[in-house]
Amino acid sequence: MASRILVVDDEKGIRDLVQDALRLIGLEVTTAEDGLTALKYLRTQKWDLCIFDINLPGIDGYTLLEKLREQDSHTPVLMLSARGESVDVNRGLLLGADDYVRKPFGLEELVLRAKALLKRVTPENDAHYIIAGPITIDEDRYEVRFHGELIELSKTEYRLLIELATNAGRVLTKEYLLENVWGIDFHNNSTVVDTYISYLRKKLHKDGFEGIRTVRGIGFTLEVSR
């Protein structure tokens, strides 16, 4: 499967050039013309590499980088800027950027830097992630993070969250959860789901997020829209 790249730049000509160059080497490229659109992509999809221009309308590249790093410390970021001051370069690197290219740049240089970043993080990109709003689940490491903060879950809490996150937006009945998380019949124990849902809420309902909702008489859903 081709690596997925997000390119954010307010200049259409640059977006098109970068998109064409990266597609020629077999990468899947999505573009955004402003920081707000890019932020929506970052919150709903997983990327193998992000390329951010610094001077963006609304949300600038620095802020976009900060928002990404709040929930994702792995995805490499390549910054683009017409600014030549070393202080600007340093600021991006301190915020978590992995590399920097000054405009105007050669497409060959950009492609080589992008390929180097993708190669550097290949072990991370092989991991299996589930992203549901502020929640990121690393299935290979059995880790759950909320806006980047590691959350300790029991084995059962983890399995329950996996079901909710992989079916985010769908209502899951108690019968379904009992069968798929506990492997037991609904009539044997109908209260255990409620108990563990309350455990998850205590750990994940914070900073204004209250995504685990009860659908009375049916079951539960993880709502991640903002």
C-alpha atoms as a PDB file:
ATOM      1  CA  MET A   1       0.000   0.000   0.000  1.00  0.00           C
ATOM      2  CA  ALA A   2       1.349   3.437  -0.997  1.00  0.00           C
ATOM      3  CA  SER A   3       2.473   5.830   1.730  1.00  0.00           C
ATOM      4  CA  ARG A   4      -0.042   8.613   2.364  1.00  0.00           C
ATOM      5  CA  ILE A   5       1.241  12.205   2.268  1.00  0.00           C
ATOM      6  CA  LEU A   6      -0.533  15.393   3.329  1.00  0.00           C
ATOM      7  CA  VAL A   7       0.737  18.555   1.600  1.00  0.00           C
ATOM      8  CA  VAL A   8      -0.416  21.911   3.016  1.00  0.00           C
ATOM      9  CA  ASP A   9       0.411  25.125   1.147  1.00  0.00           C
ATOM     10  CA  ASP A  10      -1.689  28.167   0.267  1.00  0.00           C
ATOM     11  CA  GLU A  11      -0.077  28.501  -3.180  1.00  0.00           C
ATOM     12  CA  LYS A  12      -1.881  26.298  -5.704  1.00  0.00           C
ATOM     13  CA  GLY A  13       1.117  26.146  -8.034  1.00  0.00           C
ATOM     14  CA  ILE A  14       3.340  24.724  -5.301  1.00  0.00           C
ATOM     15  CA  ARG A  15       0.663  22.258  -4.151  1.00  0.00           C
ATOM     16  CA  ASP A  16       0.240  20.957  -7.678  1.00  0.00           C
ATOM     17  CA  LEU A  17       4.002  20.668  -8.332  1.00  0.00           C
ATOM     18  CA  VAL A  18       4.680  18.824  -5.079  1.00  0.00           C
ATOM     19  CA  GLN A  19       1.666  16.568  -5.562  1.00  0.00           C
ATOM     20  CA  ASP A  20       2.725  15.603  -9.098  1.00  0.00           C
ATOM     21  CA  ALA A  21       6.350  14.989  -8.067  1.00  0.00           C
ATOM     22  CA  LEU A  22       5.405  12.737  -5.144  1.00  0.00           C
ATOM     23  CA  ARG A  23       2.811  10.823  -7.142  1.00  0.00           C
ATOM     24  CA  LEU A  24       5.457  10.063  -9.772  1.00  0.00           C
ATOM     25  CA  ILE A  25       7.374   8.040  -7.154  1.00  0.00           C
ATOM     26  CA  GLY A  26       4.275   6.094  -6.160  1.00  0.00           C
ATOM     27  CA  LEU A  27       3.036   8.064  -3.145  1.00  0.00           C
ATOM     28  CA  GLU A  28      -0.607   8.841  -2.386  1.00  0.00           C
ATOM     29  CA  VAL A  29      -0.969  12.607  -1.956  1.00  0.00           C
ATOM     30  CA  THR A  30      -3.749  14.756  -0.486  1.00  0.00           C
ATOM     31  CA  THR A  31      -3.481  18.547  -0.484  1.00  0.00           C
ATOM     32  CA  ALA A  32      -4.949  21.343   1.631  1.00  0.00           C
ATOM     33  CA  GLU A  33      -4.775  25.099   1.013  1.00  0.00           C
ATOM     34  CA  ASP A  34      -5.135  26.296   4.596  1.00  0.00           C
ATOM     35  CA  GLY A  35      -4.442  25.218   8.154  1.00  0.00           C
ATOM     36  CA  LEU A  36      -8.063  24.697   9.178  1.00  0.00           C
ATOM     37  CA  THR A  37      -8.706  22.203   6.373  1.00  0.00           C
ATOM     38  CA  ALA A  38      -5.440  20.443   7.179  1.00  0.00           C
ATOM     39  CA  LEU A  39      -6.375  20.210  10.861  1.00  0.00           C
ATOM     40  CA  LYS A  40      -9.576  18.355   9.935  1.00  0.00           C
ATOM     41  CA  TYR A  41      -7.531  15.878   7.895  1.00  0.00           C
ATOM     42  CA  LEU A  42      -5.095  15.372  10.780  1.00  0.00           C
ATOM     43  CA  ARG A  43      -7.903  14.631  13.225  1.00  0.00           C
ATOM     44  CA  THR A  44      -9.670  12.100  11.023  1.00  0.00           C
ATOM     45  CA  GLN A  45      -6.950  10.288   9.077  1.00  0.00           C
ATOM     46  CA  LYS A  46      -3.549   8.682   9.552  1.00  0.00           C
ATOM     47  CA  TRP A  47      -0.632  10.033   7.488  1.00  0.00           C
ATOM     48  CA  ASP A  48       2.834   8.669   6.758  1.00  0.00           C
ATOM     49  CA  LEU A  49       4.338  12.119   6.114  1.00  0.00           C
ATOM     50  CA  CYS A  50       3.114  15.719   6.429  1.00  0.00           C
ATOM     51  CA  ILE A  51       4.544  18.653   4.478  1.00  0.00           C
ATOM     52  CA  PHE A  52       3.534  22.005   6.013  1.00  0.00           C
ATOM     53  CA  ASP A  53       4.165  25.501   4.703  1.00  0.00           C
ATOM     54  CA  ILE A  54       4.714  27.963   7.565  1.00  0.00           C
ATOM     55  CA  ASN A  55       2.784  30.920   6.102  1.00  0.00           C
ATOM     56  CA  LEU A  56      -0.780  29.622   5.986  1.00  0.00           C
ATOM     57  CA  PRO A  57      -4.027  31.592   6.292  1.00  0.00           C
ATOM     58  CA  GLY A  58      -5.879  31.171   9.574  1.00  0.00           C
ATOM     59  CA  ILE A  59      -3.806  28.519  11.316  1.00  0.00           C
ATOM     60  CA  ASP A  60      -0.109  28.836  10.425  1.00  0.00           C
ATOM     61  CA  GLY A  61       2.291  25.954   9.955  1.00  0.00           C
ATOM     62  CA  TYR A  62       3.771  26.258  13.440  1.00  0.00           C
ATOM     63  CA  THR A  63       0.346  25.974  15.085  1.00  0.00           C
ATOM     64  CA  LEU A  64      -0.587  23.094  12.799  1.00  0.00           C
ATOM     65  CA  LEU A  65       2.595  21.295  13.832  1.00  0.00           C
ATOM     66  CA  GLU A  66       1.820  21.875  17.524  1.00  0.00           C
ATOM     67  CA  LYS A  67      -1.701  20.478  17.095  1.00  0.00           C
ATOM     68  CA  LEU A  68      -0.331  17.381  15.375  1.00  0.00           C
ATOM     69  CA  ARG A  69       2.290  16.761  18.049  1.00  0.00           C
ATOM     70  CA  GLU A  70      -0.343  16.967  20.801  1.00  0.00           C
ATOM     71  CA  GLN A  71      -1.724  13.630  19.623  1.00  0.00           C
ATOM     72  CA  ASP A  72       0.960  12.159  17.371  1.00  0.00           C
ATOM     73  CA  SER A  73       4.684  12.089  18.052  1.00  0.00           C
ATOM     74  CA  HIS A  74       5.536   9.650  15.243  1.00  0.00           C
ATOM     75  CA  THR A  75       4.420  11.089  11.896  1.00  0.00           C
ATOM     76  CA  PRO A  76       7.351  12.925  10.261  1.00  0.00           C
ATOM     77  CA  VAL A  77       6.859  16.554   9.276  1.00  0.00           C
ATOM     78  CA  LEU A  78       8.756  18.465   6.583  1.00  0.00           C
ATOM     79  CA  MET A  79       8.419  22.251   6.864  1.00  0.00           C
ATOM     80  CA  LEU A  80       8.428  24.645   3.887  1.00  0.00           C
ATOM     81  CA  SER A  81       9.146  28.336   4.230  1.00  0.00           C
ATOM     82  CA  ALA A  82      10.317  31.385   2.313  1.00  0.00           C
ATOM     83  CA  ARG A  83      11.810  32.651   5.579  1.00  0.00           C
ATOM     84  CA  GLY A  84      15.573  32.363   5.745  1.00  0.00           C
ATOM     85  CA  GLU A  85      16.246  33.230   9.364  1.00  0.00           C
ATOM     86  CA  SER A  86      17.790  30.458  11.456  1.00  0.00           C
ATOM     87  CA  VAL A  87      15.438  31.357  14.326  1.00  0.00           C
ATOM     88  CA  ASP A  88      12.486  30.280  12.169  1.00  0.00           C
ATOM     89  CA  VAL A  89      14.179  27.001  11.332  1.00  0.00           C
ATOM     90  CA  ASN A  90      14.986  26.375  14.982  1.00  0.00           C
ATOM     91  CA  ARG A  91      11.439  27.124  16.081  1.00  0.00           C
ATOM     92  CA  GLY A  92      10.039  24.515  13.710  1.00  0.00           C
ATOM     93  CA  LEU A  93      12.549  21.891  14.815  1.00  0.00           C
ATOM     94  CA  LEU A  94      11.897  22.612  18.490  1.00  0.00           C
ATOM     95  CA  LEU A  95       8.165  22.162  17.939  1.00  0.00           C
ATOM     96  CA  GLY A  96       8.762  18.714  16.474  1.00  0.00           C
ATOM     97  CA  ALA A  97       9.495  19.154  12.753  1.00  0.00           C
ATOM     98  CA  ASP A  98      11.831  16.529  11.291  1.00  0.00           C
ATOM     99  CA  ASP A  99      13.267  18.503   8.378  1.00  0.00           C
ATOM    100  CA  TYR A 100      13.128  21.901   6.702  1.00  0.00           C
ATOM    101  CA  VAL A 101      13.223  23.113   3.089  1.00  0.00           C
ATOM    102  CA  ARG A 102      13.494  26.789   2.140  1.00  0.00           C
ATOM    103  CA  LYS A 103      11.586  28.229  -0.812  1.00  0.00           C
ATOM    104  CA  PRO A 104      12.323  28.343  -3.644  1.00  0.00           C
ATOM    105  CA  PHE A 105      13.344  24.690  -3.669  1.00  0.00           C
ATOM    106  CA  GLY A 106      14.161  22.121  -6.306  1.00  0.00           C
ATOM    107  CA  LEU A 107      11.645  19.294  -6.677  1.00  0.00           C
ATOM    108  CA  GLU A 108      14.472  16.742  -6.696  1.00  0.00           C
ATOM    109  CA  GLU A 109      15.667  17.965  -3.301  1.00  0.00           C
ATOM    110  CA  LEU A 110      12.137  17.874  -1.890  1.00  0.00           C
ATOM    111  CA  VAL A 111      11.519  14.348  -3.163  1.00  0.00           C
ATOM    112  CA  LEU A 112      14.829  13.096  -1.749  1.00  0.00           C
ATOM    113  CA  ARG A 113      14.081  14.604   1.658  1.00  0.00           C
ATOM    114  CA  ALA A 114      10.573  13.146   1.649  1.00  0.00           C
ATOM    115  CA  LYS A 115      11.899   9.685   0.757  1.00  0.00           C
ATOM    116  CA  ALA A 116      14.537   9.922   3.495  1.00  0.00           C
ATOM    117  CA  LEU A 117      11.921  10.776   6.121  1.00  0.00           C
ATOM    118  CA  LEU A 118       9.666   7.934   5.025  1.00  0.00           C
ATOM    119  CA  LYS A 119      12.569   5.492   5.154  1.00  0.00           C
ATOM    120  CA  ARG A 120      13.618   6.722   8.606  1.00  0.00           C
ATOM    121  CA  VAL A 121      10.212   6.021  10.141  1.00  0.00           C
ATOM    122  CA  THR A 122       9.353   2.805   8.327  1.00  0.00           C
ATOM    123  CA  PRO A 123       9.211   0.748  11.581  1.00  0.00           C
ATOM    124  CA  GLU A 124       6.711   3.232  13.023  1.00  0.00           C
ATOM    125  CA  ASN A 125       4.638   3.246   9.843  1.00  0.00           C
ATOM    126  CA  ASP A 126       4.353  -0.528  10.023  1.00  0.00           C
ATOM    127  CA  ALA A 127       2.472  -0.145  13.304  1.00  0.00           C
ATOM    128  CA  HIS A 128      -1.280  -0.415  13.373  1.00  0.00           C
ATOM    129  CA  TYR A 129      -2.990   2.688  14.718  1.00  0.00           C
ATOM    130  CA  ILE A 130      -6.614   3.470  15.428  1.00  0.00           C
ATOM    131  CA  ILE A 131      -7.377   7.188  15.767  1.00  0.00           C
ATOM    132  CA  ALA A 132     -10.723   8.284  17.198  1.00  0.00           C
ATOM    133  CA  GLY A 133     -10.784  12.006  17.938  1.00  0.00           C
ATOM    134  CA  PRO A 134      -8.251  12.715  20.716  1.00  0.00           C
ATOM    135  CA  ILE A 135      -7.700   8.983  21.280  1.00  0.00           C
ATOM    136  CA  THR A 136      -4.852   7.137  19.527  1.00  0.00           C
ATOM    137  CA  ILE A 137      -4.489   3.369  19.928  1.00  0.00           C
ATOM    138  CA  ASP A 138      -1.215   1.657  18.970  1.00  0.00           C
ATOM    139  CA  GLU A 139      -2.278  -1.961  18.483  1.00  0.00           C
ATOM    140  CA  ASP A 140       1.287  -3.241  18.171  1.00  0.00           C
ATOM    141  CA  ARG A 141       2.328  -1.789  21.533  1.00  0.00           C
ATOM    142  CA  TYR A 142      -1.052  -2.077  23.266  1.00  0.00           C
ATOM    143  CA  GLU A 143      -0.820   1.628  24.088  1.00  0.00           C
ATOM    144  CA  VAL A 144      -3.631   4.154  24.355  1.00  0.00           C
ATOM    145  CA  ARG A 145      -2.953   7.888  24.311  1.00  0.00           C
ATOM    146  CA  PHE A 146      -5.261  10.848  24.860  1.00  0.00           C
ATOM    147  CA  HIS A 147      -3.876  13.963  23.154  1.00  0.00           C
ATOM    148  CA  GLY A 148      -0.470  12.268  23.385  1.00  0.00           C
ATOM    149  CA  GLU A 149      -0.759  11.383  27.086  1.00  0.00           C
ATOM    150  CA  LEU A 150      -0.374   7.680  27.849  1.00  0.00           C
ATOM    151  CA  ILE A 151      -3.530   6.227  29.446  1.00  0.00           C
ATOM    152  CA  GLU A 152      -3.265   3.044  31.507  1.00  0.00           C
ATOM    153  CA  LEU A 153      -6.058   0.593  30.747  1.00  0.00           C
ATOM    154  CA  SER A 154      -6.746  -2.927  31.947  1.00  0.00           C
ATOM    155  CA  LYS A 155      -6.841  -5.709  29.372  1.00  0.00           C
ATOM    156  CA  THR A 156     -10.644  -5.709  29.342  1.00  0.00           C
ATOM    157  CA  GLU A 157     -10.880  -1.920  29.169  1.00  0.00           C
ATOM    158  CA  TYR A 158      -8.490  -2.005  26.219  1.00  0.00           C
ATOM    159  CA  ARG A 159     -10.547  -4.616  24.343  1.00  0.00           C
ATOM    160  CA  LEU A 160     -13.741  -2.661  24.962  1.00  0.00           C
ATOM    161  CA  LEU A 161     -12.140   0.567  23.690  1.00  0.00           C
ATOM    162  CA  ILE A 162     -10.900  -1.228  20.560  1.00  0.00           C
ATOM    163  CA  GLU A 163     -14.469  -2.263  19.722  1.00  0.00           C
ATOM    164  CA  LEU A 164     -15.803   1.248  20.299  1.00  0.00           C
ATOM    165  CA  ALA A 165     -12.993   2.965  18.373  1.00  0.00           C
ATOM    166  CA  THR A 166     -13.029   0.670  15.344  1.00  0.00           C
ATOM    167  CA  ASN A 167     -16.778   1.212  15.135  1.00  0.00           C
ATOM    168  CA  ALA A 168     -16.728   4.939  16.003  1.00  0.00           C
ATOM    169  CA  GLY A 169     -20.041   6.585  15.198  1.00  0.00           C
ATOM    170  CA  ARG A 170     -21.942   3.280  15.240  1.00  0.00           C
ATOM    171  CA  VAL A 171     -24.160   2.183  18.108  1.00  0.00           C
ATOM    172  CA  LEU A 172     -23.002  -1.140  19.538  1.00  0.00           C
ATOM    173  CA  THR A 173     -25.543  -3.172  21.483  1.00  0.00           C
ATOM    174  CA  LYS A 174     -24.768  -4.727  24.851  1.00  0.00           C
ATOM    175  CA  GLU A 175     -25.263  -8.130  23.226  1.00  0.00           C
ATOM    176  CA  TYR A 176     -22.590  -7.341  20.638  1.00  0.00           C
ATOM    177  CA  LEU A 177     -20.111  -6.074  23.227  1.00  0.00           C
ATOM    178  CA  LEU A 178     -20.617  -9.004  25.576  1.00  0.00           C
ATOM    179  CA  GLU A 179     -20.030 -11.467  22.768  1.00  0.00           C
ATOM    180  CA  ASN A 180     -17.041  -9.701  21.193  1.00  0.00           C
ATOM    181  CA  VAL A 181     -15.263  -8.405  24.309  1.00  0.00           C
ATOM    182  CA  TRP A 182     -16.136 -10.985  26.957  1.00  0.00           C
ATOM    183  CA  GLY A 183     -17.259 -13.948  24.844  1.00  0.00           C
ATOM    184  CA  ILE A 184     -20.349 -14.472  26.982  1.00  0.00           C
ATOM    185  CA  ASP A 185     -24.093 -14.571  26.362  1.00  0.00           C
ATOM    186  CA  PHE A 186     -26.124 -11.452  27.086  1.00  0.00           C
ATOM    187  CA  HIS A 187     -28.422 -13.276  29.504  1.00  0.00           C
ATOM    188  CA  ASN A 188     -25.503 -14.403  31.654  1.00  0.00           C
ATOM    189  CA  ASN A 189     -24.414 -10.905  32.665  1.00  0.00           C
ATOM    190  CA  SER A 190     -26.005  -7.696  31.409  1.00  0.00           C
ATOM    191  CA  THR A 191     -24.377  -5.233  33.853  1.00  0.00           C
ATOM    192  CA  VAL A 192     -20.684  -5.853  33.204  1.00  0.00           C
ATOM    193  CA  VAL A 193     -20.759  -3.654  30.070  1.00  0.00           C
ATOM    194  CA  ASP A 194     -22.147  -0.685  32.011  1.00  0.00           C
ATOM    195  CA  THR A 195     -19.475  -1.141  34.666  1.00  0.00           C
ATOM    196  CA  TYR A 196     -16.579  -1.106  32.200  1.00  0.00           C
ATOM    197  CA  ILE A 197     -18.062   1.760  30.207  1.00  0.00           C
ATOM    198  CA  SER A 198     -17.975   3.795  33.434  1.00  0.00           C
ATOM    199  CA  TYR A 199     -14.309   2.826  33.917  1.00  0.00           C
ATOM    200  CA  LEU A 200     -13.437   4.089  30.414  1.00  0.00           C
ATOM    201  CA  ARG A 201     -15.319   7.331  30.945  1.00  0.00           C
ATOM    202  CA  LYS A 202     -13.402   8.054  34.140  1.00  0.00           C
ATOM    203  CA  LYS A 203     -10.121   7.724  32.230  1.00  0.00           C
ATOM    204  CA  LEU A 204     -11.020   9.274  28.867  1.00  0.00           C
ATOM    205  CA  HIS A 205     -13.694  11.881  29.569  1.00  0.00           C
ATOM    206  CA  LYS A 206     -11.607  14.994  30.162  1.00  0.00           C
ATOM    207  CA  ASP A 207     -10.534  18.259  28.548  1.00  0.00           C
ATOM    208  CA  GLY A 208     -14.105  18.717  27.321  1.00  0.00           C
ATOM    209  CA  PHE A 209     -14.244  15.335  25.577  1.00  0.00           C
ATOM    210  CA  GLU A 210     -17.275  13.186  26.452  1.00  0.00           C
ATOM    211  CA  GLY A 211     -17.372  10.887  23.458  1.00  0.00           C
ATOM    212  CA  ILE A 212     -18.588   7.621  24.996  1.00  0.00           C
ATOM    213  CA  ARG A 213     -22.361   7.987  24.810  1.00  0.00           C
ATOM    214  CA  THR A 214     -25.177   5.794  26.057  1.00  0.00           C
ATOM    215  CA  VAL A 215     -28.036   5.145  23.632  1.00  0.00           C
ATOM    216  CA  ARG A 216     -30.810   4.288  26.041  1.00  0.00           C
ATOM    217  CA  GLY A 217     -32.250   0.827  25.619  1.00  0.00           C
ATOM    218  CA  ILE A 218     -29.769  -0.129  22.892  1.00  0.00           C
ATOM    219  CA  GLY A 219     -26.099   0.202  23.793  1.00  0.00           C
ATOM    220  CA  PHE A 220     -23.137   2.550  23.431  1.00  0.00           C
ATOM    221  CA  THR A 221     -21.260   4.557  20.810  1.00  0.00           C
ATOM    222  CA  LEU A 222     -17.983   6.460  20.598  1.00  0.00           C
ATOM    223  CA  GLU A 223     -18.734   9.854  19.087  1.00  0.00           C
ATOM    224  CA  VAL A 224     -15.611  11.653  17.855  1.00  0.00           C
ATOM    225  CA  SER A 225     -16.935  14.532  15.761  1.00  0.00           C
ATOM    226  CA  ARG A 226     -16.007  18.025  16.984  1.00  0.00           C
END
